[in-house]
Amino acid sequence: LEFTKLKNNQEGVDPDDVYSQIPYEKGFQFLWRIE
């Protein structure tokens, strides 16, 4: 579940392995919530 967070810990993790829609879509939802 660490990689379902917007701000997450990637020490020892290949960023290509955890690439997903979460930073895109959860990030969008966060900003849309504030709007």
PDB file of all heavy atoms in Angstrom:
ATOM      1  N   LEU A   1       0.800  -1.224   0.000  1.00  0.00           N
ATOM      2  CA  LEU A   1       0.000   0.000   0.000  1.00  0.00           C
ATOM      3  C   LEU A   1       0.831   1.272   0.000  1.00  0.00           C
ATOM      4  O   LEU A   1       0.304   2.360  -0.269  1.00  0.00           O
ATOM      5  CB  LEU A   1      -0.951  -0.006   1.198  1.00  0.00           C
ATOM      6  CG  LEU A   1      -2.087  -1.037   1.128  1.00  0.00           C
ATOM      7  CD1 LEU A   1      -2.869  -1.054   2.426  1.00  0.00           C
ATOM      8  CD2 LEU A   1      -3.024  -0.740  -0.048  1.00  0.00           C
ATOM      9  N   GLU A   2       2.127   1.156   0.285  1.00  0.00           N
ATOM     10  CA  GLU A   2       2.999   2.332   0.244  1.00  0.00           C
ATOM     11  C   GLU A   2       2.870   3.056  -1.092  1.00  0.00           C
ATOM     12  O   GLU A   2       2.886   4.290  -1.149  1.00  0.00           O
ATOM     13  CB  GLU A   2       4.454   1.915   0.478  1.00  0.00           C
ATOM     14  CG  GLU A   2       5.466   3.058   0.438  1.00  0.00           C
ATOM     15  CD  GLU A   2       5.330   4.016   1.615  1.00  0.00           C
ATOM     16  OE1 GLU A   2       4.747   3.619   2.651  1.00  0.00           O
ATOM     17  OE2 GLU A   2       5.816   5.161   1.495  1.00  0.00           O
ATOM     18  N   PHE A   3       2.692   2.284  -2.164  1.00  0.00           N
ATOM     19  CA  PHE A   3       2.682   2.889  -3.496  1.00  0.00           C
ATOM     20  C   PHE A   3       1.288   3.324  -3.940  1.00  0.00           C
ATOM     21  O   PHE A   3       1.077   3.681  -5.087  1.00  0.00           O
ATOM     22  CB  PHE A   3       3.353   1.941  -4.496  1.00  0.00           C
ATOM     23  CG  PHE A   3       4.755   1.625  -4.075  1.00  0.00           C
ATOM     24  CD1 PHE A   3       5.105   0.335  -3.699  1.00  0.00           C
ATOM     25  CD2 PHE A   3       5.697   2.632  -3.960  1.00  0.00           C
ATOM     26  CE1 PHE A   3       6.385   0.054  -3.260  1.00  0.00           C
ATOM     27  CE2 PHE A   3       6.981   2.362  -3.509  1.00  0.00           C
ATOM     28  CZ  PHE A   3       7.324   1.078  -3.164  1.00  0.00           C
ATOM     29  N   THR A   4       0.342   3.291  -2.987  1.00  0.00           N
ATOM     30  CA  THR A   4      -0.949   3.946  -3.219  1.00  0.00           C
ATOM     31  C   THR A   4      -0.980   5.327  -2.569  1.00  0.00           C
ATOM     32  O   THR A   4      -1.987   6.027  -2.643  1.00  0.00           O
ATOM     33  CB  THR A   4      -2.120   3.093  -2.687  1.00  0.00           C
ATOM     34  OG1 THR A   4      -2.075   3.058  -1.255  1.00  0.00           O
ATOM     35  CG2 THR A   4      -2.055   1.678  -3.235  1.00  0.00           C
ATOM     36  N   LYS A   5       0.128   5.719  -1.906  1.00  0.00           N
ATOM     37  CA  LYS A   5       0.249   7.071  -1.360  1.00  0.00           C
ATOM     38  C   LYS A   5       0.722   8.025  -2.450  1.00  0.00           C
ATOM     39  O   LYS A   5       1.431   7.620  -3.373  1.00  0.00           O
ATOM     40  CB  LYS A   5       1.266   7.095  -0.213  1.00  0.00           C
ATOM     41  CG  LYS A   5       0.948   6.205   0.973  1.00  0.00           C
ATOM     42  CD  LYS A   5       2.092   6.267   1.989  1.00  0.00           C
ATOM     43  CE  LYS A   5       1.855   5.366   3.186  1.00  0.00           C
ATOM     44  NZ  LYS A   5       3.006   5.405   4.138  1.00  0.00           N
ATOM     45  N   LEU A   6       0.387   9.296  -2.321  1.00  0.00           N
ATOM     46  CA  LEU A   6       0.953  10.285  -3.235  1.00  0.00           C
ATOM     47  C   LEU A   6       2.423  10.513  -2.903  1.00  0.00           C
ATOM     48  O   LEU A   6       3.292  10.439  -3.772  1.00  0.00           O
ATOM     49  CB  LEU A   6       0.167  11.598  -3.156  1.00  0.00           C
ATOM     50  CG  LEU A   6      -1.242  11.559  -3.759  1.00  0.00           C
ATOM     51  CD1 LEU A   6      -1.899  12.936  -3.660  1.00  0.00           C
ATOM     52  CD2 LEU A   6      -1.217  11.088  -5.218  1.00  0.00           C
ATOM     53  N   LYS A   7       2.729  10.801  -1.655  1.00  0.00           N
ATOM     54  CA  LYS A   7       4.112  10.931  -1.205  1.00  0.00           C
ATOM     55  C   LYS A   7       4.512   9.583  -0.612  1.00  0.00           C
ATOM     56  O   LYS A   7       3.927   9.129   0.366  1.00  0.00           O
ATOM     57  CB  LYS A   7       4.213  12.036  -0.141  1.00  0.00           C
ATOM     58  CG  LYS A   7       5.589  12.183   0.483  1.00  0.00           C
ATOM     59  CD  LYS A   7       5.525  13.172   1.651  1.00  0.00           C
ATOM     60  CE  LYS A   7       6.850  13.210   2.406  1.00  0.00           C
ATOM     61  NZ  LYS A   7       6.753  14.062   3.611  1.00  0.00           N
ATOM     62  N   ASN A   8       5.498   8.920  -1.242  1.00  0.00           N
ATOM     63  CA  ASN A   8       5.821   7.566  -0.802  1.00  0.00           C
ATOM     64  C   ASN A   8       7.326   7.358  -0.686  1.00  0.00           C
ATOM     65  O   ASN A   8       8.126   8.174  -1.140  1.00  0.00           O
ATOM     66  CB  ASN A   8       5.184   6.531  -1.732  1.00  0.00           C
ATOM     67  CG  ASN A   8       5.494   6.816  -3.196  1.00  0.00           C
ATOM     68  OD1 ASN A   8       6.649   6.754  -3.620  1.00  0.00           O
ATOM     69  ND2 ASN A   8       4.472   7.134  -3.975  1.00  0.00           N
ATOM     70  N   ASN A   9       7.697   6.265  -0.064  1.00  0.00           N
ATOM     71  CA  ASN A   9       9.097   5.921   0.166  1.00  0.00           C
ATOM     72  C   ASN A   9       9.560   4.965  -0.927  1.00  0.00           C
ATOM     73  O   ASN A   9       9.056   3.848  -1.036  1.00  0.00           O
ATOM     74  CB  ASN A   9       9.249   5.276   1.546  1.00  0.00           C
ATOM     75  CG  ASN A   9      10.688   4.894   1.855  1.00  0.00           C
ATOM     76  OD1 ASN A   9      11.600   5.125   1.060  1.00  0.00           O
ATOM     77  ND2 ASN A   9      10.904   4.311   3.022  1.00  0.00           N
ATOM     78  N   GLN A  10      10.546   5.405  -1.747  1.00  0.00           N
ATOM     79  CA  GLN A  10      11.026   4.568  -2.834  1.00  0.00           C
ATOM     80  C   GLN A  10      12.486   4.142  -2.645  1.00  0.00           C
ATOM     81  O   GLN A  10      13.153   3.765  -3.615  1.00  0.00           O
ATOM     82  CB  GLN A  10      10.842   5.293  -4.175  1.00  0.00           C
ATOM     83  CG  GLN A  10       9.385   5.497  -4.533  1.00  0.00           C
ATOM     84  CD  GLN A  10       9.171   6.025  -5.936  1.00  0.00           C
ATOM     85  OE1 GLN A  10      10.051   5.932  -6.791  1.00  0.00           O
ATOM     86  NE2 GLN A  10       7.997   6.577  -6.192  1.00  0.00           N
ATOM     87  N   GLU A  11      12.966   4.175  -1.431  1.00  0.00           N
ATOM     88  CA  GLU A  11      14.323   3.700  -1.157  1.00  0.00           C
ATOM     89  C   GLU A  11      14.424   2.228  -1.554  1.00  0.00           C
ATOM     90  O   GLU A  11      13.640   1.390  -1.118  1.00  0.00           O
ATOM     91  CB  GLU A  11      14.652   3.866   0.331  1.00  0.00           C
ATOM     92  CG  GLU A  11      16.103   3.575   0.675  1.00  0.00           C
ATOM     93  CD  GLU A  11      17.068   4.613   0.116  1.00  0.00           C
ATOM     94  OE1 GLU A  11      16.770   5.823   0.247  1.00  0.00           O
ATOM     95  OE2 GLU A  11      18.098   4.203  -0.453  1.00  0.00           O
ATOM     96  N   GLY A  12      15.402   1.913  -2.413  1.00  0.00           N
ATOM     97  CA  GLY A  12      15.610   0.535  -2.843  1.00  0.00           C
ATOM     98  C   GLY A  12      14.585   0.026  -3.839  1.00  0.00           C
ATOM     99  O   GLY A  12      14.489  -1.182  -4.077  1.00  0.00           O
ATOM    100  N   VAL A  13      13.836   0.932  -4.442  1.00  0.00           N
ATOM    101  CA  VAL A  13      12.768   0.554  -5.379  1.00  0.00           C
ATOM    102  C   VAL A  13      13.056   1.159  -6.743  1.00  0.00           C
ATOM    103  O   VAL A  13      13.410   2.341  -6.840  1.00  0.00           O
ATOM    104  CB  VAL A  13      11.397   1.051  -4.868  1.00  0.00           C
ATOM    105  CG1 VAL A  13      10.308   0.791  -5.900  1.00  0.00           C
ATOM    106  CG2 VAL A  13      11.055   0.386  -3.552  1.00  0.00           C
ATOM    107  N   ASP A  14      12.916   0.364  -7.793  1.00  0.00           N
ATOM    108  CA  ASP A  14      13.068   0.871  -9.157  1.00  0.00           C
ATOM    109  C   ASP A  14      11.804   1.644  -9.525  1.00  0.00           C
ATOM    110  O   ASP A  14      10.699   1.085  -9.470  1.00  0.00           O
ATOM    111  CB  ASP A  14      13.266  -0.296 -10.125  1.00  0.00           C
ATOM    112  CG  ASP A  14      13.652   0.155 -11.528  1.00  0.00           C
ATOM    113  OD1 ASP A  14      13.206   1.238 -11.950  1.00  0.00           O
ATOM    114  OD2 ASP A  14      14.378  -0.583 -12.215  1.00  0.00           O
ATOM    115  N   PRO A  15      11.918   2.927  -9.892  1.00  0.00           N
ATOM    116  CA  PRO A  15      10.706   3.693 -10.203  1.00  0.00           C
ATOM    117  C   PRO A  15       9.917   3.108 -11.371  1.00  0.00           C
ATOM    118  O   PRO A  15       8.688   3.285 -11.428  1.00  0.00           O
ATOM    119  CB  PRO A  15      11.243   5.096 -10.541  1.00  0.00           C
ATOM    120  CG  PRO A  15      12.698   4.930 -10.774  1.00  0.00           C
ATOM    121  CD  PRO A  15      13.136   3.750  -9.975  1.00  0.00           C
ATOM    122  N   ASP A  16      10.561   2.400 -12.283  1.00  0.00           N
ATOM    123  CA  ASP A  16       9.821   1.771 -13.377  1.00  0.00           C
ATOM    124  C   ASP A  16       8.906   0.660 -12.864  1.00  0.00           C
ATOM    125  O   ASP A  16       7.854   0.386 -13.459  1.00  0.00           O
ATOM    126  CB  ASP A  16      10.783   1.188 -14.415  1.00  0.00           C
ATOM    127  CG  ASP A  16      11.491   2.271 -15.223  1.00  0.00           C
ATOM    128  OD1 ASP A  16      10.998   3.417 -15.243  1.00  0.00           O
ATOM    129  OD2 ASP A  16      12.541   1.975 -15.810  1.00  0.00           O
ATOM    130  N   ASP A  17       9.284   0.012 -11.752  1.00  0.00           N
ATOM    131  CA  ASP A  17       8.488  -1.091 -11.217  1.00  0.00           C
ATOM    132  C   ASP A  17       7.212  -0.602 -10.539  1.00  0.00           C
ATOM    133  O   ASP A  17       6.243  -1.365 -10.429  1.00  0.00           O
ATOM    134  CB  ASP A  17       9.309  -1.911 -10.220  1.00  0.00           C
ATOM    135  CG  ASP A  17      10.402  -2.724 -10.887  1.00  0.00           C
ATOM    136  OD1 ASP A  17      10.344  -2.912 -12.122  1.00  0.00           O
ATOM    137  OD2 ASP A  17      11.330  -3.170 -10.180  1.00  0.00           O
ATOM    138  N   VAL A  18       7.217   0.635 -10.048  1.00  0.00           N
ATOM    139  CA  VAL A  18       6.042   1.122  -9.315  1.00  0.00           C
ATOM    140  C   VAL A  18       5.299   2.214 -10.091  1.00  0.00           C
ATOM    141  O   VAL A  18       4.415   2.875  -9.560  1.00  0.00           O
ATOM    142  CB  VAL A  18       6.436   1.640  -7.910  1.00  0.00           C
ATOM    143  CG1 VAL A  18       6.939   0.484  -7.063  1.00  0.00           C
ATOM    144  CG2 VAL A  18       7.478   2.748  -7.982  1.00  0.00           C
ATOM    145  N   TYR A  19       5.648   2.359 -11.367  1.00  0.00           N
ATOM    146  CA  TYR A  19       4.927   3.315 -12.220  1.00  0.00           C
ATOM    147  C   TYR A  19       3.473   2.865 -12.333  1.00  0.00           C
ATOM    148  O   TYR A  19       3.184   1.692 -12.586  1.00  0.00           O
ATOM    149  CB  TYR A  19       5.586   3.363 -13.597  1.00  0.00           C
ATOM    150  CG  TYR A  19       4.892   4.274 -14.577  1.00  0.00           C
ATOM    151  CD1 TYR A  19       5.176   5.630 -14.609  1.00  0.00           C
ATOM    152  CD2 TYR A  19       3.940   3.785 -15.462  1.00  0.00           C
ATOM    153  CE1 TYR A  19       4.546   6.476 -15.504  1.00  0.00           C
ATOM    154  CE2 TYR A  19       3.296   4.616 -16.367  1.00  0.00           C
ATOM    155  CZ  TYR A  19       3.607   5.961 -16.383  1.00  0.00           C
ATOM    156  OH  TYR A  19       2.962   6.787 -17.269  1.00  0.00           O
ATOM    157  N   SER A  20       2.552   3.809 -12.152  1.00  0.00           N
ATOM    158  CA  SER A  20       1.127   3.475 -12.199  1.00  0.00           C
ATOM    159  C   SER A  20       0.320   4.740 -12.449  1.00  0.00           C
ATOM    160  O   SER A  20       0.865   5.839 -12.569  1.00  0.00           O
ATOM    161  CB  SER A  20       0.686   2.836 -10.873  1.00  0.00           C
ATOM    162  OG  SER A  20       0.546   3.830  -9.859  1.00  0.00           O
ATOM    163  N   GLN A  21      -1.001   4.582 -12.482  1.00  0.00           N
ATOM    164  CA  GLN A  21      -1.905   5.713 -12.644  1.00  0.00           C
ATOM    165  C   GLN A  21      -2.147   6.460 -11.333  1.00  0.00           C
ATOM    166  O   GLN A  21      -2.785   7.522 -11.334  1.00  0.00           O
ATOM    167  CB  GLN A  21      -3.243   5.225 -13.201  1.00  0.00           C
ATOM    168  CG  GLN A  21      -3.185   4.769 -14.650  1.00  0.00           C
ATOM    169  CD  GLN A  21      -2.763   5.902 -15.566  1.00  0.00           C
ATOM    170  OE1 GLN A  21      -3.416   6.929 -15.654  1.00  0.00           O
ATOM    171  NE2 GLN A  21      -1.645   5.716 -16.248  1.00  0.00           N
ATOM    172  N   ILE A  22      -1.656   5.942 -10.223  1.00  0.00           N
ATOM    173  CA  ILE A  22      -1.975   6.546  -8.924  1.00  0.00           C
ATOM    174  C   ILE A  22      -1.483   7.982  -8.807  1.00  0.00           C
ATOM    175  O   ILE A  22      -2.259   8.875  -8.421  1.00  0.00           O
ATOM    176  CB  ILE A  22      -1.460   5.646  -7.781  1.00  0.00           C
ATOM    177  CG1 ILE A  22      -2.298   4.361  -7.739  1.00  0.00           C
ATOM    178  CG2 ILE A  22      -1.539   6.378  -6.439  1.00  0.00           C
ATOM    179  CD1 ILE A  22      -1.734   3.273  -6.873  1.00  0.00           C
ATOM    180  N   PRO A  23      -0.203   8.302  -9.119  1.00  0.00           N
ATOM    181  CA  PRO A  23       0.196   9.712  -9.009  1.00  0.00           C
ATOM    182  C   PRO A  23      -0.584  10.616  -9.963  1.00  0.00           C
ATOM    183  O   PRO A  23      -0.819  11.784  -9.652  1.00  0.00           O
ATOM    184  CB  PRO A  23       1.690   9.692  -9.347  1.00  0.00           C
ATOM    185  CG  PRO A  23       1.929   8.393 -10.031  1.00  0.00           C
ATOM    186  CD  PRO A  23       0.933   7.438  -9.477  1.00  0.00           C
ATOM    187  N   TYR A  24      -1.008  10.084 -11.100  1.00  0.00           N
ATOM    188  CA  TYR A  24      -1.808  10.850 -12.053  1.00  0.00           C
ATOM    189  C   TYR A  24      -3.224  11.081 -11.505  1.00  0.00           C
ATOM    190  O   TYR A  24      -3.686  12.222 -11.391  1.00  0.00           O
ATOM    191  CB  TYR A  24      -1.938  10.090 -13.373  1.00  0.00           C
ATOM    192  CG  TYR A  24      -0.680   9.872 -14.160  1.00  0.00           C
ATOM    193  CD1 TYR A  24       0.276   8.952 -13.768  1.00  0.00           C
ATOM    194  CD2 TYR A  24      -0.450  10.568 -15.347  1.00  0.00           C
ATOM    195  CE1 TYR A  24       1.426   8.732 -14.514  1.00  0.00           C
ATOM    196  CE2 TYR A  24       0.694  10.359 -16.110  1.00  0.00           C
ATOM    197  CZ  TYR A  24       1.624   9.438 -15.684  1.00  0.00           C
ATOM    198  OH  TYR A  24       2.763   9.224 -16.426  1.00  0.00           O
ATOM    199  N   GLU A  25      -3.894   9.979 -11.197  1.00  0.00           N
ATOM    200  CA  GLU A  25      -5.333  10.057 -10.922  1.00  0.00           C
ATOM    201  C   GLU A  25      -5.659  10.397  -9.472  1.00  0.00           C
ATOM    202  O   GLU A  25      -6.605  11.143  -9.209  1.00  0.00           O
ATOM    203  CB  GLU A  25      -6.005   8.750 -11.340  1.00  0.00           C
ATOM    204  CG  GLU A  25      -5.882   8.444 -12.832  1.00  0.00           C
ATOM    205  CD  GLU A  25      -6.525   9.503 -13.723  1.00  0.00           C
ATOM    206  OE1 GLU A  25      -7.383  10.274 -13.234  1.00  0.00           O
ATOM    207  OE2 GLU A  25      -6.185   9.553 -14.923  1.00  0.00           O
ATOM    208  N   LYS A  26      -4.895   9.890  -8.525  1.00  0.00           N
ATOM    209  CA  LYS A  26      -5.119  10.307  -7.140  1.00  0.00           C
ATOM    210  C   LYS A  26      -4.665  11.746  -6.969  1.00  0.00           C
ATOM    211  O   LYS A  26      -5.304  12.530  -6.248  1.00  0.00           O
ATOM    212  CB  LYS A  26      -4.381   9.379  -6.176  1.00  0.00           C
ATOM    213  CG  LYS A  26      -4.700   9.650  -4.704  1.00  0.00           C
ATOM    214  CD  LYS A  26      -4.045   8.624  -3.792  1.00  0.00           C
ATOM    215  CE  LYS A  26      -4.332   8.923  -2.329  1.00  0.00           C
ATOM    216  NZ  LYS A  26      -3.719   7.911  -1.425  1.00  0.00           N
ATOM    217  N   GLY A  27      -3.557  12.104  -7.657  1.00  0.00           N
ATOM    218  CA  GLY A  27      -3.128  13.501  -7.632  1.00  0.00           C
ATOM    219  C   GLY A  27      -4.177  14.423  -8.217  1.00  0.00           C
ATOM    220  O   GLY A  27      -4.468  15.500  -7.670  1.00  0.00           O
ATOM    221  N   PHE A  28      -4.762  14.020  -9.348  1.00  0.00           N
ATOM    222  CA  PHE A  28      -5.853  14.802  -9.947  1.00  0.00           C
ATOM    223  C   PHE A  28      -7.020  14.921  -8.968  1.00  0.00           C
ATOM    224  O   PHE A  28      -7.577  16.013  -8.774  1.00  0.00           O
ATOM    225  CB  PHE A  28      -6.323  14.132 -11.242  1.00  0.00           C
ATOM    226  CG  PHE A  28      -7.693  14.595 -11.684  1.00  0.00           C
ATOM    227  CD1 PHE A  28      -7.847  15.805 -12.337  1.00  0.00           C
ATOM    228  CD2 PHE A  28      -8.820  13.824 -11.418  1.00  0.00           C
ATOM    229  CE1 PHE A  28      -9.120  16.242 -12.728  1.00  0.00           C
ATOM    230  CE2 PHE A  28     -10.089  14.247 -11.797  1.00  0.00           C
ATOM    231  CZ  PHE A  28     -10.231  15.466 -12.459  1.00  0.00           C
ATOM    232  N   GLN A  29      -7.410  13.800  -8.372  1.00  0.00           N
ATOM    233  CA  GLN A  29      -8.550  13.808  -7.452  1.00  0.00           C
ATOM    234  C   GLN A  29      -8.311  14.742  -6.273  1.00  0.00           C
ATOM    235  O   GLN A  29      -9.221  15.444  -5.813  1.00  0.00           O
ATOM    236  CB  GLN A  29      -8.818  12.382  -6.952  1.00  0.00           C
ATOM    237  CG  GLN A  29      -9.498  11.467  -7.955  1.00  0.00           C
ATOM    238  CD  GLN A  29     -10.983  11.735  -8.082  1.00  0.00           C
ATOM    239  OE1 GLN A  29     -11.597  12.349  -7.197  1.00  0.00           O
ATOM    240  NE2 GLN A  29     -11.586  11.278  -9.173  1.00  0.00           N
ATOM    241  N   PHE A  30      -7.071  14.794  -5.777  1.00  0.00           N
ATOM    242  CA  PHE A  30      -6.714  15.684  -4.665  1.00  0.00           C
ATOM    243  C   PHE A  30      -6.938  17.140  -5.062  1.00  0.00           C
ATOM    244  O   PHE A  30      -7.586  17.918  -4.341  1.00  0.00           O
ATOM    245  CB  PHE A  30      -5.267  15.429  -4.267  1.00  0.00           C
ATOM    246  CG  PHE A  30      -4.736  16.340  -3.197  1.00  0.00           C
ATOM    247  CD1 PHE A  30      -5.523  16.755  -2.125  1.00  0.00           C
ATOM    248  CD2 PHE A  30      -3.419  16.787  -3.252  1.00  0.00           C
ATOM    249  CE1 PHE A  30      -5.011  17.592  -1.134  1.00  0.00           C
ATOM    250  CE2 PHE A  30      -2.903  17.622  -2.267  1.00  0.00           C
ATOM    251  CZ  PHE A  30      -3.703  18.026  -1.211  1.00  0.00           C
ATOM    252  N   LEU A  31      -6.418  17.519  -6.217  1.00  0.00           N
ATOM    253  CA  LEU A  31      -6.566  18.906  -6.660  1.00  0.00           C
ATOM    254  C   LEU A  31      -8.020  19.228  -6.990  1.00  0.00           C
ATOM    255  O   LEU A  31      -8.502  20.339  -6.712  1.00  0.00           O
ATOM    256  CB  LEU A  31      -5.665  19.150  -7.873  1.00  0.00           C
ATOM    257  CG  LEU A  31      -4.162  18.940  -7.609  1.00  0.00           C
ATOM    258  CD1 LEU A  31      -3.367  19.116  -8.892  1.00  0.00           C
ATOM    259  CD2 LEU A  31      -3.653  19.881  -6.530  1.00  0.00           C
ATOM    260  N   TRP A  32      -8.719  18.279  -7.560  1.00  0.00           N
ATOM    261  CA  TRP A  32     -10.142  18.464  -7.882  1.00  0.00           C
ATOM    262  C   TRP A  32     -10.948  18.630  -6.594  1.00  0.00           C
ATOM    263  O   TRP A  32     -11.901  19.409  -6.546  1.00  0.00           O
ATOM    264  CB  TRP A  32     -10.620  17.266  -8.688  1.00  0.00           C
ATOM    265  CG  TRP A  32     -11.888  17.472  -9.465  1.00  0.00           C
ATOM    266  CD1 TRP A  32     -12.390  18.653  -9.939  1.00  0.00           C
ATOM    267  CD2 TRP A  32     -12.813  16.458  -9.868  1.00  0.00           C
ATOM    268  NE1 TRP A  32     -13.567  18.435 -10.623  1.00  0.00           N
ATOM    269  CE2 TRP A  32     -13.841  17.094 -10.592  1.00  0.00           C
ATOM    270  CE3 TRP A  32     -12.855  15.087  -9.708  1.00  0.00           C
ATOM    271  CZ2 TRP A  32     -14.913  16.392 -11.144  1.00  0.00           C
ATOM    272  CZ3 TRP A  32     -13.915  14.380 -10.264  1.00  0.00           C
ATOM    273  CH2 TRP A  32     -14.930  15.029 -10.974  1.00  0.00           C
ATOM    274  N   ARG A  33     -10.550  17.899  -5.551  1.00  0.00           N
ATOM    275  CA  ARG A  33     -11.227  18.024  -4.255  1.00  0.00           C
ATOM    276  C   ARG A  33     -11.072  19.443  -3.710  1.00  0.00           C
ATOM    277  O   ARG A  33     -12.028  20.037  -3.191  1.00  0.00           O
ATOM    278  CB  ARG A  33     -10.621  17.002  -3.276  1.00  0.00           C
ATOM    279  CG  ARG A  33     -11.062  17.174  -1.821  1.00  0.00           C
ATOM    280  CD  ARG A  33     -12.538  16.828  -1.643  1.00  0.00           C
ATOM    281  NE  ARG A  33     -12.982  17.050  -0.289  1.00  0.00           N
ATOM    282  CZ  ARG A  33     -13.467  18.204   0.173  1.00  0.00           C
ATOM    283  NH1 ARG A  33     -13.539  19.261  -0.634  1.00  0.00           N
ATOM    284  NH2 ARG A  33     -13.884  18.301   1.417  1.00  0.00           N
ATOM    285  N   ILE A  34      -9.880  20.007  -3.844  1.00  0.00           N
ATOM    286  CA  ILE A  34      -9.651  21.363  -3.354  1.00  0.00           C
ATOM    287  C   ILE A  34     -10.425  22.361  -4.212  1.00  0.00           C
ATOM    288  O   ILE A  34     -11.015  23.319  -3.693  1.00  0.00           O
ATOM    289  CB  ILE A  34      -8.146  21.678  -3.346  1.00  0.00           C
ATOM    290  CG1 ILE A  34      -7.441  20.779  -2.335  1.00  0.00           C
ATOM    291  CG2 ILE A  34      -7.901  23.149  -2.994  1.00  0.00           C
ATOM    292  CD1 ILE A  34      -5.949  20.831  -2.405  1.00  0.00           C
ATOM    293  N   GLU A  35     -10.435  22.138  -5.527  1.00  0.00           N
ATOM    294  CA  GLU A  35     -11.217  23.031  -6.397  1.00  0.00           C
ATOM    295  C   GLU A  35     -12.688  23.043  -5.987  1.00  0.00           C
ATOM    296  O   GLU A  35     -13.329  24.103  -5.920  1.00  0.00           O
ATOM    297  CB  GLU A  35     -11.094  22.585  -7.856  1.00  0.00           C
ATOM    298  CG  GLU A  35     -11.805  23.526  -8.831  1.00  0.00           C
ATOM    299  CD  GLU A  35     -12.364  22.830 -10.058  1.00  0.00           C
ATOM    300  OE1 GLU A  35     -11.589  22.537 -10.979  1.00  0.00           O
ATOM    301  OE2 GLU A  35     -13.598  22.588 -10.096  1.00  0.00           O
TER     302      GLU A  35
END
